[in-house]
Amino acid sequence: MDTAYNAPQIRVYFEVKGRVAIIDRNKRHKASCSPMDEAEARRFRILSTVERSNGHLKDFLLPSKLTVRGYKKVNFLLLNGVAVLASMKILQYFILPVLENAG
C-alpha cells in the first residue's frame, strides 16, 4: 500500500481483522513508524512489482474500454497484453543489457 495509508486507524483495522498490513512507512513520521522486518520488506517488494506490472498493463497495453462480447475475447485481449508485457521485460532485463555490454 501507499504511504498515504500509513495511519494508525488503518493499522488497527487490519490487526482486528487478523491481517498483516504491508504499508510503506512514511519517512516524514520517523518517530511513529517502526522499520519493516525482513519478511515484510520482501513481501512489500513483491507487491510493489505486481502493482507496477498491473499499472503498466492497464495504462499502456490494454484498451481503456473493452467493446467486445464474451469472456473468450476479453481473455484473449488480456493474455495478449500479458504476453507483450512479459516480452518487454525479457527484452529490458536480459537481451538489451547483453547488447549494451557487447558494443
PDB file of N, CA and C in Angstrom:
ATOM      1  N   MET A   1       0.828  -1.182   0.000  1.00  0.00           N
ATOM      2  CA  MET A   1       0.000   0.000   0.000  1.00  0.00           C
ATOM      3  C   MET A   1       0.872   1.245   0.000  1.00  0.00           C
ATOM      4  N   ASP A   2       0.295   2.309  -0.386  1.00  0.00           N
ATOM      5  CA  ASP A   2       0.962   3.599  -0.471  1.00  0.00           C
ATOM      6  C   ASP A   2       1.187   4.176   0.926  1.00  0.00           C
ATOM      7  N   THR A   3       2.120   5.126   1.028  1.00  0.00           N
ATOM      8  CA  THR A   3       2.369   5.756   2.325  1.00  0.00           C
ATOM      9  C   THR A   3       1.188   6.585   2.791  1.00  0.00           C
ATOM     10  N   ALA A   4       0.270   6.907   1.914  1.00  0.00           N
ATOM     11  CA  ALA A   4      -0.921   7.640   2.330  1.00  0.00           C
ATOM     12  C   ALA A   4      -1.780   6.810   3.273  1.00  0.00           C
ATOM     13  N   TYR A   5      -1.623   5.493   3.235  1.00  0.00           N
ATOM     14  CA  TYR A   5      -2.372   4.604   4.119  1.00  0.00           C
ATOM     15  C   TYR A   5      -1.683   4.420   5.472  1.00  0.00           C
ATOM     16  N   ASN A   6      -0.590   5.123   5.694  1.00  0.00           N
ATOM     17  CA  ASN A   6       0.183   4.971   6.923  1.00  0.00           C
ATOM     18  C   ASN A   6      -0.496   5.751   8.056  1.00  0.00           C
ATOM     19  N   ALA A   7      -1.622   5.249   8.518  1.00  0.00           N
ATOM     20  CA  ALA A   7      -2.371   5.883   9.603  1.00  0.00           C
ATOM     21  C   ALA A   7      -2.630   4.825  10.674  1.00  0.00           C
ATOM     22  N   PRO A   8      -2.602   5.214  11.925  1.00  0.00           N
ATOM     23  CA  PRO A   8      -2.813   4.237  12.997  1.00  0.00           C
ATOM     24  C   PRO A   8      -4.178   3.546  12.916  1.00  0.00           C
ATOM     25  N   GLN A   9      -5.207   4.254  12.473  1.00  0.00           N
ATOM     26  CA  GLN A   9      -6.534   3.664  12.387  1.00  0.00           C
ATOM     27  C   GLN A   9      -6.567   2.511  11.388  1.00  0.00           C
ATOM     28  N   ILE A  10      -5.862   2.663  10.284  1.00  0.00           N
ATOM     29  CA  ILE A  10      -5.833   1.610   9.268  1.00  0.00           C
ATOM     30  C   ILE A  10      -5.066   0.407   9.789  1.00  0.00           C
ATOM     31  N   ARG A  11      -3.954   0.636  10.470  1.00  0.00           N
ATOM     32  CA  ARG A  11      -3.182  -0.472  11.050  1.00  0.00           C
ATOM     33  C   ARG A  11      -4.017  -1.239  12.084  1.00  0.00           C
ATOM     34  N   VAL A  12      -4.751  -0.506  12.921  1.00  0.00           N
ATOM     35  CA  VAL A  12      -5.592  -1.150  13.945  1.00  0.00           C
ATOM     36  C   VAL A  12      -6.690  -1.972  13.275  1.00  0.00           C
ATOM     37  N   TYR A  13      -7.285  -1.438  12.214  1.00  0.00           N
ATOM     38  CA  TYR A  13      -8.334  -2.161  11.496  1.00  0.00           C
ATOM     39  C   TYR A  13      -7.809  -3.499  10.980  1.00  0.00           C
ATOM     40  N   PHE A  14      -6.633  -3.499  10.364  1.00  0.00           N
ATOM     41  CA  PHE A  14      -6.068  -4.738   9.852  1.00  0.00           C
ATOM     42  C   PHE A  14      -5.721  -5.700  10.981  1.00  0.00           C
ATOM     43  N   GLU A  15      -5.225  -5.190  12.100  1.00  0.00           N
ATOM     44  CA  GLU A  15      -4.902  -6.048  13.238  1.00  0.00           C
ATOM     45  C   GLU A  15      -6.153  -6.701  13.810  1.00  0.00           C
ATOM     46  N   VAL A  16      -7.261  -5.952  13.880  1.00  0.00           N
ATOM     47  CA  VAL A  16      -8.521  -6.509  14.376  1.00  0.00           C
ATOM     48  C   VAL A  16      -9.013  -7.615  13.452  1.00  0.00           C
ATOM     49  N   LYS A  17      -8.829  -7.430  12.148  1.00  0.00           N
ATOM     50  CA  LYS A  17      -9.243  -8.432  11.170  1.00  0.00           C
ATOM     51  C   LYS A  17      -8.302  -9.642  11.132  1.00  0.00           C
ATOM     52  N   GLY A  18      -7.169  -9.554  11.829  1.00  0.00           N
ATOM     53  CA  GLY A  18      -6.217 -10.661  11.833  1.00  0.00           C
ATOM     54  C   GLY A  18      -5.339 -10.700  10.595  1.00  0.00           C
ATOM     55  N   ARG A  19      -5.161  -9.584   9.946  1.00  0.00           N
ATOM     56  CA  ARG A  19      -4.349  -9.482   8.727  1.00  0.00           C
ATOM     57  C   ARG A  19      -3.082  -8.698   9.015  1.00  0.00           C
ATOM     58  N   VAL A  20      -2.111  -8.850   8.138  1.00  0.00           N
ATOM     59  CA  VAL A  20      -0.872  -8.080   8.235  1.00  0.00           C
ATOM     60  C   VAL A  20      -0.915  -7.025   7.145  1.00  0.00           C
ATOM     61  N   ALA A  21      -0.911  -5.770   7.534  1.00  0.00           N
ATOM     62  CA  ALA A  21      -0.930  -4.675   6.562  1.00  0.00           C
ATOM     63  C   ALA A  21       0.501  -4.398   6.122  1.00  0.00           C
ATOM     64  N   ILE A  22       0.745  -4.503   4.847  1.00  0.00           N
ATOM     65  CA  ILE A  22       2.073  -4.213   4.310  1.00  0.00           C
ATOM     66  C   ILE A  22       2.006  -2.809   3.735  1.00  0.00           C
ATOM     67  N   ILE A  23       2.293  -1.835   4.573  1.00  0.00           N
ATOM     68  CA  ILE A  23       2.188  -0.427   4.216  1.00  0.00           C
ATOM     69  C   ILE A  23       3.576   0.187   4.282  1.00  0.00           C
ATOM     70  N   ASP A  24       3.944   0.905   3.225  1.00  0.00           N
ATOM     71  CA  ASP A  24       5.233   1.585   3.208  1.00  0.00           C
ATOM     72  C   ASP A  24       5.258   2.627   4.315  1.00  0.00           C
ATOM     73  N   ARG A  25       6.370   2.711   5.005  1.00  0.00           N
ATOM     74  CA  ARG A  25       6.495   3.654   6.115  1.00  0.00           C
ATOM     75  C   ARG A  25       6.686   5.067   5.577  1.00  0.00           C
ATOM     76  N   ASN A  26       5.974   6.015   6.157  1.00  0.00           N
ATOM     77  CA  ASN A  26       6.091   7.410   5.754  1.00  0.00           C
ATOM     78  C   ASN A  26       7.338   7.993   6.413  1.00  0.00           C
ATOM     79  N   LYS A  27       8.269   8.446   5.618  1.00  0.00           N
ATOM     80  CA  LYS A  27       9.558   8.916   6.137  1.00  0.00           C
ATOM     81  C   LYS A  27       9.444  10.211   6.929  1.00  0.00           C
ATOM     82  N   ARG A  28       8.350  10.949   6.746  1.00  0.00           N
ATOM     83  CA  ARG A  28       8.171  12.197   7.480  1.00  0.00           C
ATOM     84  C   ARG A  28       7.826  11.962   8.945  1.00  0.00           C
ATOM     85  N   HIS A  29       7.284  10.796   9.254  1.00  0.00           N
ATOM     86  CA  HIS A  29       6.885  10.485  10.627  1.00  0.00           C
ATOM     87  C   HIS A  29       7.822   9.433  11.203  1.00  0.00           C
ATOM     88  N   LYS A  30       9.071   9.774  11.359  1.00  0.00           N
ATOM     89  CA  LYS A  30      10.065   8.797  11.811  1.00  0.00           C
ATOM     90  C   LYS A  30       9.788   8.290  13.219  1.00  0.00           C
ATOM     91  N   ALA A  31       9.233   9.130  14.081  1.00  0.00           N
ATOM     92  CA  ALA A  31       9.011   8.724  15.467  1.00  0.00           C
ATOM     93  C   ALA A  31       7.905   7.681  15.573  1.00  0.00           C
ATOM     94  N   SER A  32       6.898   7.762  14.709  1.00  0.00           N
ATOM     95  CA  SER A  32       5.747   6.869  14.840  1.00  0.00           C
ATOM     96  C   SER A  32       5.875   5.572  14.054  1.00  0.00           C
ATOM     97  N   CYS A  33       6.869   5.446  13.194  1.00  0.00           N
ATOM     98  CA  CYS A  33       6.947   4.235  12.382  1.00  0.00           C
ATOM     99  C   CYS A  33       8.152   3.389  12.775  1.00  0.00           C
ATOM    100  N   SER A  34       7.890   2.097  12.844  1.00  0.00           N
ATOM    101  CA  SER A  34       8.974   1.167  13.118  1.00  0.00           C
ATOM    102  C   SER A  34       9.465   0.605  11.785  1.00  0.00           C
ATOM    103  N   PRO A  35      10.719   0.198  11.697  1.00  0.00           N
ATOM    104  CA  PRO A  35      11.212  -0.329  10.425  1.00  0.00           C
ATOM    105  C   PRO A  35      10.575  -1.684  10.100  1.00  0.00           C
ATOM    106  N   MET A  36      10.509  -1.991   8.820  1.00  0.00           N
ATOM    107  CA  MET A  36       9.944  -3.274   8.391  1.00  0.00           C
ATOM    108  C   MET A  36      10.918  -4.388   8.736  1.00  0.00           C
ATOM    109  N   ASP A  37      10.372  -5.519   9.149  1.00  0.00           N
ATOM    110  CA  ASP A  37      11.252  -6.671   9.320  1.00  0.00           C
ATOM    111  C   ASP A  37      11.547  -7.261   7.939  1.00  0.00           C
ATOM    112  N   GLU A  38      12.434  -8.232   7.884  1.00  0.00           N
ATOM    113  CA  GLU A  38      12.918  -8.739   6.590  1.00  0.00           C
ATOM    114  C   GLU A  38      11.798  -9.374   5.766  1.00  0.00           C
ATOM    115  N   ALA A  39      10.937 -10.168   6.402  1.00  0.00           N
ATOM    116  CA  ALA A  39       9.852 -10.831   5.668  1.00  0.00           C
ATOM    117  C   ALA A  39       8.858  -9.807   5.125  1.00  0.00           C
ATOM    118  N   GLU A  40       8.544  -8.807   5.929  1.00  0.00           N
ATOM    119  CA  GLU A  40       7.613  -7.766   5.495  1.00  0.00           C
ATOM    120  C   GLU A  40       8.198  -6.960   4.338  1.00  0.00           C
ATOM    121  N   ALA A  41       9.494  -6.667   4.391  1.00  0.00           N
ATOM    122  CA  ALA A  41      10.144  -5.926   3.307  1.00  0.00           C
ATOM    123  C   ALA A  41      10.137  -6.741   2.017  1.00  0.00           C
ATOM    124  N   ARG A  42      10.354  -8.043   2.130  1.00  0.00           N
ATOM    125  CA  ARG A  42      10.337  -8.913   0.947  1.00  0.00           C
ATOM    126  C   ARG A  42       8.934  -8.927   0.327  1.00  0.00           C
ATOM    127  N   ARG A  43       7.896  -9.049   1.172  1.00  0.00           N
ATOM    128  CA  ARG A  43       6.521  -9.022   0.663  1.00  0.00           C
ATOM    129  C   ARG A  43       6.188  -7.676   0.035  1.00  0.00           C
ATOM    130  N   PHE A  44       6.703  -6.592   0.611  1.00  0.00           N
ATOM    131  CA  PHE A  44       6.445  -5.263   0.054  1.00  0.00           C
ATOM    132  C   PHE A  44       7.073  -5.122  -1.327  1.00  0.00           C
ATOM    133  N   ARG A  45       8.295  -5.640  -1.510  1.00  0.00           N
ATOM    134  CA  ARG A  45       8.933  -5.579  -2.833  1.00  0.00           C
ATOM    135  C   ARG A  45       8.126  -6.354  -3.864  1.00  0.00           C
ATOM    136  N   ILE A  46       7.617  -7.531  -3.472  1.00  0.00           N
ATOM    137  CA  ILE A  46       6.820  -8.335  -4.397  1.00  0.00           C
ATOM    138  C   ILE A  46       5.530  -7.606  -4.743  1.00  0.00           C
ATOM    139  N   LEU A  47       4.861  -7.049  -3.741  1.00  0.00           N
ATOM    140  CA  LEU A  47       3.628  -6.311  -4.002  1.00  0.00           C
ATOM    141  C   LEU A  47       3.870  -5.101  -4.888  1.00  0.00           C
ATOM    142  N   SER A  48       4.964  -4.396  -4.662  1.00  0.00           N
ATOM    143  CA  SER A  48       5.276  -3.227  -5.481  1.00  0.00           C
ATOM    144  C   SER A  48       5.495  -3.635  -6.935  1.00  0.00           C
ATOM    145  N   THR A  49       6.172  -4.759  -7.146  1.00  0.00           N
ATOM    146  CA  THR A  49       6.403  -5.247  -8.503  1.00  0.00           C
ATOM    147  C   THR A  49       5.089  -5.603  -9.179  1.00  0.00           C
ATOM    148  N   VAL A  50       4.219  -6.273  -8.457  1.00  0.00           N
ATOM    149  CA  VAL A  50       2.925  -6.660  -9.022  1.00  0.00           C
ATOM    150  C   VAL A  50       2.095  -5.428  -9.338  1.00  0.00           C
ATOM    151  N   GLU A  51       2.087  -4.437  -8.445  1.00  0.00           N
ATOM    152  CA  GLU A  51       1.326  -3.223  -8.694  1.00  0.00           C
ATOM    153  C   GLU A  51       1.863  -2.456  -9.896  1.00  0.00           C
ATOM    154  N   ARG A  52       3.191  -2.406 -10.040  1.00  0.00           N
ATOM    155  CA  ARG A  52       3.764  -1.731 -11.213  1.00  0.00           C
ATOM    156  C   ARG A  52       3.393  -2.465 -12.492  1.00  0.00           C
ATOM    157  N   SER A  53       3.429  -3.793 -12.458  1.00  0.00           N
ATOM    158  CA  SER A  53       3.067  -4.577 -13.644  1.00  0.00           C
ATOM    159  C   SER A  53       1.602  -4.379 -14.006  1.00  0.00           C
ATOM    160  N   ASN A  54       0.740  -4.433 -13.008  1.00  0.00           N
ATOM    161  CA  ASN A  54      -0.690  -4.219 -13.278  1.00  0.00           C
ATOM    162  C   ASN A  54      -0.943  -2.812 -13.809  1.00  0.00           C
ATOM    163  N   GLY A  55      -0.274  -1.822 -13.253  1.00  0.00           N
ATOM    164  CA  GLY A  55      -0.430  -0.456 -13.725  1.00  0.00           C
ATOM    165  C   GLY A  55       0.051  -0.286 -15.150  1.00  0.00           C
ATOM    166  N   HIS A  56       1.190  -0.890 -15.475  1.00  0.00           N
ATOM    167  CA  HIS A  56       1.719  -0.800 -16.839  1.00  0.00           C
ATOM    168  C   HIS A  56       0.776  -1.495 -17.814  1.00  0.00           C
ATOM    169  N   LEU A  57       0.274  -2.641 -17.421  1.00  0.00           N
ATOM    170  CA  LEU A  57      -0.657  -3.378 -18.264  1.00  0.00           C
ATOM    171  C   LEU A  57      -1.918  -2.553 -18.502  1.00  0.00           C
ATOM    172  N   LYS A  58      -2.461  -1.971 -17.444  1.00  0.00           N
ATOM    173  CA  LYS A  58      -3.697  -1.202 -17.546  1.00  0.00           C
ATOM    174  C   LYS A  58      -3.498   0.100 -18.316  1.00  0.00           C
ATOM    175  N   ASP A  59      -2.381   0.792 -18.067  1.00  0.00           N
ATOM    176  CA  ASP A  59      -2.188   2.115 -18.658  1.00  0.00           C
ATOM    177  C   ASP A  59      -1.719   2.080 -20.108  1.00  0.00           C
ATOM    178  N   PHE A  60      -0.935   1.068 -20.483  1.00  0.00           N
ATOM    179  CA  PHE A  60      -0.303   1.099 -21.799  1.00  0.00           C
ATOM    180  C   PHE A  60      -0.684  -0.044 -22.732  1.00  0.00           C
ATOM    181  N   LEU A  61      -1.077  -1.180 -22.212  1.00  0.00           N
ATOM    182  CA  LEU A  61      -1.228  -2.348 -23.076  1.00  0.00           C
ATOM    183  C   LEU A  61      -2.665  -2.809 -23.285  1.00  0.00           C
ATOM    184  N   LEU A  62      -3.590  -2.308 -22.488  1.00  0.00           N
ATOM    185  CA  LEU A  62      -4.991  -2.692 -22.661  1.00  0.00           C
ATOM    186  C   LEU A  62      -5.805  -1.472 -23.062  1.00  0.00           C
ATOM    187  N   PRO A  63      -6.852  -1.670 -23.845  1.00  0.00           N
ATOM    188  CA  PRO A  63      -7.690  -0.523 -24.197  1.00  0.00           C
ATOM    189  C   PRO A  63      -8.442  -0.014 -22.975  1.00  0.00           C
ATOM    190  N   SER A  64      -8.787   1.268 -22.996  1.00  0.00           N
ATOM    191  CA  SER A  64      -9.494   1.841 -21.846  1.00  0.00           C
ATOM    192  C   SER A  64     -10.916   1.302 -21.741  1.00  0.00           C
ATOM    193  N   LYS A  65     -11.511   0.971 -22.874  1.00  0.00           N
ATOM    194  CA  LYS A  65     -12.847   0.377 -22.880  1.00  0.00           C
ATOM    195  C   LYS A  65     -12.818  -0.874 -23.740  1.00  0.00           C
ATOM    196  N   LEU A  66     -13.390  -1.937 -23.222  1.00  0.00           N
ATOM    197  CA  LEU A  66     -13.487  -3.168 -23.997  1.00  0.00           C
ATOM    198  C   LEU A  66     -14.836  -3.173 -24.702  1.00  0.00           C
ATOM    199  N   THR A  67     -14.792  -3.251 -26.008  1.00  0.00           N
ATOM    200  CA  THR A  67     -16.028  -3.221 -26.789  1.00  0.00           C
ATOM    201  C   THR A  67     -16.259  -4.557 -27.473  1.00  0.00           C
ATOM    202  N   VAL A  68     -15.906  -5.631 -26.789  1.00  0.00           N
ATOM    203  CA  VAL A  68     -16.124  -6.970 -27.336  1.00  0.00           C
ATOM    204  C   VAL A  68     -17.092  -7.697 -26.422  1.00  0.00           C
ATOM    205  N   ARG A  69     -17.701  -8.715 -26.956  1.00  0.00           N
ATOM    206  CA  ARG A  69     -18.619  -9.521 -26.163  1.00  0.00           C
ATOM    207  C   ARG A  69     -17.984 -10.883 -25.911  1.00  0.00           C
ATOM    208  N   GLY A  70     -18.222 -11.371 -24.741  1.00  0.00           N
ATOM    209  CA  GLY A  70     -17.779 -12.720 -24.430  1.00  0.00           C
ATOM    210  C   GLY A  70     -16.469 -12.750 -23.673  1.00  0.00           C
ATOM    211  N   TYR A  71     -16.399 -13.671 -22.740  1.00  0.00           N
ATOM    212  CA  TYR A  71     -15.213 -13.774 -21.914  1.00  0.00           C
ATOM    213  C   TYR A  71     -14.002 -14.267 -22.697  1.00  0.00           C
ATOM    214  N   LYS A  72     -14.232 -15.025 -23.768  1.00  0.00           N
ATOM    215  CA  LYS A  72     -13.093 -15.530 -24.547  1.00  0.00           C
ATOM    216  C   LYS A  72     -12.346 -14.388 -25.235  1.00  0.00           C
ATOM    217  N   LYS A  73     -13.058 -13.411 -25.745  1.00  0.00           N
ATOM    218  CA  LYS A  73     -12.412 -12.276 -26.399  1.00  0.00           C
ATOM    219  C   LYS A  73     -11.707 -11.385 -25.391  1.00  0.00           C
ATOM    220  N   VAL A  74     -12.335 -11.179 -24.237  1.00  0.00           N
ATOM    221  CA  VAL A  74     -11.697 -10.388 -23.181  1.00  0.00           C
ATOM    222  C   VAL A  74     -10.452 -11.109 -22.690  1.00  0.00           C
ATOM    223  N   ASN A  75     -10.559 -12.422 -22.507  1.00  0.00           N
ATOM    224  CA  ASN A  75      -9.415 -13.217 -22.084  1.00  0.00           C
ATOM    225  C   ASN A  75      -8.289 -13.136 -23.111  1.00  0.00           C
ATOM    226  N   PHE A  76      -8.638 -13.168 -24.396  1.00  0.00           N
ATOM    227  CA  PHE A  76      -7.642 -13.054 -25.453  1.00  0.00           C
ATOM    228  C   PHE A  76      -6.908 -11.716 -25.378  1.00  0.00           C
ATOM    229  N   LEU A  77      -7.654 -10.613 -25.192  1.00  0.00           N
ATOM    230  CA  LEU A  77      -7.027  -9.294 -25.089  1.00  0.00           C
ATOM    231  C   LEU A  77      -6.126  -9.198 -23.864  1.00  0.00           C
ATOM    232  N   LEU A  78      -6.597  -9.716 -22.748  1.00  0.00           N
ATOM    233  CA  LEU A  78      -5.815  -9.667 -21.515  1.00  0.00           C
ATOM    234  C   LEU A  78      -4.537 -10.494 -21.638  1.00  0.00           C
ATOM    235  N   LEU A  79      -4.642 -11.686 -22.164  1.00  0.00           N
ATOM    236  CA  LEU A  79      -3.451 -12.535 -22.294  1.00  0.00           C
ATOM    237  C   LEU A  79      -2.466 -11.988 -23.320  1.00  0.00           C
ATOM    238  N   ASN A  80      -2.959 -11.334 -24.366  1.00  0.00           N
ATOM    239  CA  ASN A  80      -2.047 -10.676 -25.303  1.00  0.00           C
ATOM    240  C   ASN A  80      -1.283  -9.556 -24.610  1.00  0.00           C
ATOM    241  N   GLY A  81      -1.975  -8.781 -23.775  1.00  0.00           N
ATOM    242  CA  GLY A  81      -1.303  -7.730 -23.017  1.00  0.00           C
ATOM    243  C   GLY A  81      -0.249  -8.292 -22.083  1.00  0.00           C
ATOM    244  N   VAL A  82      -0.563  -9.386 -21.408  1.00  0.00           N
ATOM    245  CA  VAL A  82       0.396 -10.028 -20.504  1.00  0.00           C
ATOM    246  C   VAL A  82       1.588 -10.561 -21.284  1.00  0.00           C
ATOM    247  N   ALA A  83       1.346 -11.157 -22.461  1.00  0.00           N
ATOM    248  CA  ALA A  83       2.448 -11.675 -23.274  1.00  0.00           C
ATOM    249  C   ALA A  83       3.358 -10.545 -23.754  1.00  0.00           C
ATOM    250  N   VAL A  84       2.766  -9.428 -24.155  1.00  0.00           N
ATOM    251  CA  VAL A  84       3.568  -8.281 -24.599  1.00  0.00           C
ATOM    252  C   VAL A  84       4.372  -7.723 -23.434  1.00  0.00           C
ATOM    253  N   LEU A  85       3.756  -7.606 -22.263  1.00  0.00           N
ATOM    254  CA  LEU A  85       4.470  -7.119 -21.084  1.00  0.00           C
ATOM    255  C   LEU A  85       5.623  -8.043 -20.719  1.00  0.00           C
ATOM    256  N   ALA A  86       5.394  -9.350 -20.756  1.00  0.00           N
ATOM    257  CA  ALA A  86       6.462 -10.307 -20.451  1.00  0.00           C
ATOM    258  C   ALA A  86       7.596 -10.200 -21.458  1.00  0.00           C
ATOM    259  N   SER A  87       7.272 -10.062 -22.737  1.00  0.00           N
ATOM    260  CA  SER A  87       8.327  -9.949 -23.744  1.00  0.00           C
ATOM    261  C   SER A  87       9.096  -8.637 -23.597  1.00  0.00           C
ATOM    262  N   MET A  88       8.405  -7.562 -23.209  1.00  0.00           N
ATOM    263  CA  MET A  88       9.103  -6.287 -22.988  1.00  0.00           C
ATOM    264  C   MET A  88      10.079  -6.393 -21.829  1.00  0.00           C
ATOM    265  N   LYS A  89       9.666  -7.073 -20.749  1.00  0.00           N
ATOM    266  CA  LYS A  89      10.541  -7.223 -19.583  1.00  0.00           C
ATOM    267  C   LYS A  89      11.711  -8.144 -19.883  1.00  0.00           C
ATOM    268  N   ILE A  90      11.507  -9.193 -20.665  1.00  0.00           N
ATOM    269  CA  ILE A  90      12.617 -10.067 -21.074  1.00  0.00           C
ATOM    270  C   ILE A  90      13.604  -9.270 -21.902  1.00  0.00           C
ATOM    271  N   LEU A  91      13.101  -8.479 -22.825  1.00  0.00           N
ATOM    272  CA  LEU A  91      13.968  -7.637 -23.637  1.00  0.00           C
ATOM    273  C   LEU A  91      14.723  -6.633 -22.777  1.00  0.00           C
ATOM    274  N   GLN A  92      14.027  -6.011 -21.827  1.00  0.00           N
ATOM    275  CA  GLN A  92      14.631  -4.978 -20.988  1.00  0.00           C
ATOM    276  C   GLN A  92      15.701  -5.532 -20.058  1.00  0.00           C
ATOM    277  N   TYR A  93      15.457  -6.675 -19.446  1.00  0.00           N
ATOM    278  CA  TYR A  93      16.362  -7.163 -18.413  1.00  0.00           C
ATOM    279  C   TYR A  93      17.375  -8.203 -18.881  1.00  0.00           C
ATOM    280  N   PHE A  94      17.126  -8.878 -19.990  1.00  0.00           N
ATOM    281  CA  PHE A  94      18.029  -9.946 -20.407  1.00  0.00           C
ATOM    282  C   PHE A  94      18.732  -9.680 -21.732  1.00  0.00           C
ATOM    283  N   ILE A  95      18.028  -9.169 -22.708  1.00  0.00           N
ATOM    284  CA  ILE A  95      18.617  -9.035 -24.038  1.00  0.00           C
ATOM    285  C   ILE A  95      19.346  -7.702 -24.199  1.00  0.00           C
ATOM    286  N   LEU A  96      18.722  -6.592 -23.840  1.00  0.00           N
ATOM    287  CA  LEU A  96      19.353  -5.291 -24.004  1.00  0.00           C
ATOM    288  C   LEU A  96      20.635  -5.121 -23.198  1.00  0.00           C
ATOM    289  N   PRO A  97      20.726  -5.576 -21.937  1.00  0.00           N
ATOM    290  CA  PRO A  97      21.995  -5.440 -21.225  1.00  0.00           C
ATOM    291  C   PRO A  97      23.152  -6.186 -21.895  1.00  0.00           C
ATOM    292  N   VAL A  98      22.857  -7.335 -22.468  1.00  0.00           N
ATOM    293  CA  VAL A  98      23.909  -8.094 -23.169  1.00  0.00           C
ATOM    294  C   VAL A  98      24.361  -7.330 -24.407  1.00  0.00           C
ATOM    295  N   LEU A  99      23.404  -6.750 -25.139  1.00  0.00           N
ATOM    296  CA  LEU A  99      23.763  -5.993 -26.342  1.00  0.00           C
ATOM    297  C   LEU A  99      24.531  -4.724 -25.993  1.00  0.00           C
ATOM    298  N   GLU A 100      24.168  -4.077 -24.875  1.00  0.00           N
ATOM    299  CA  GLU A 100      24.871  -2.867 -24.480  1.00  0.00           C
ATOM    300  C   GLU A 100      26.303  -3.172 -24.035  1.00  0.00           C
ATOM    301  N   ASN A 101      26.513  -4.289 -23.364  1.00  0.00           N
ATOM    302  CA  ASN A 101      27.848  -4.664 -22.922  1.00  0.00           C
ATOM    303  C   ASN A 101      28.731  -5.157 -24.059  1.00  0.00           C
ATOM    304  N   ALA A 102      28.106  -5.700 -25.096  1.00  0.00           N
ATOM    305  CA  ALA A 102      28.871  -6.232 -26.224  1.00  0.00           C
ATOM    306  C   ALA A 102      29.397  -5.107 -27.113  1.00  0.00           C
ATOM    307  N   GLY A 103      28.688  -3.986 -27.164  1.00  0.00           N
ATOM    308  CA  GLY A 103      29.073  -2.954 -28.124  1.00  0.00           C
ATOM    309  C   GLY A 103      29.670  -1.767 -27.554  1.00  0.00           C
TER     310      GLY A 103
END
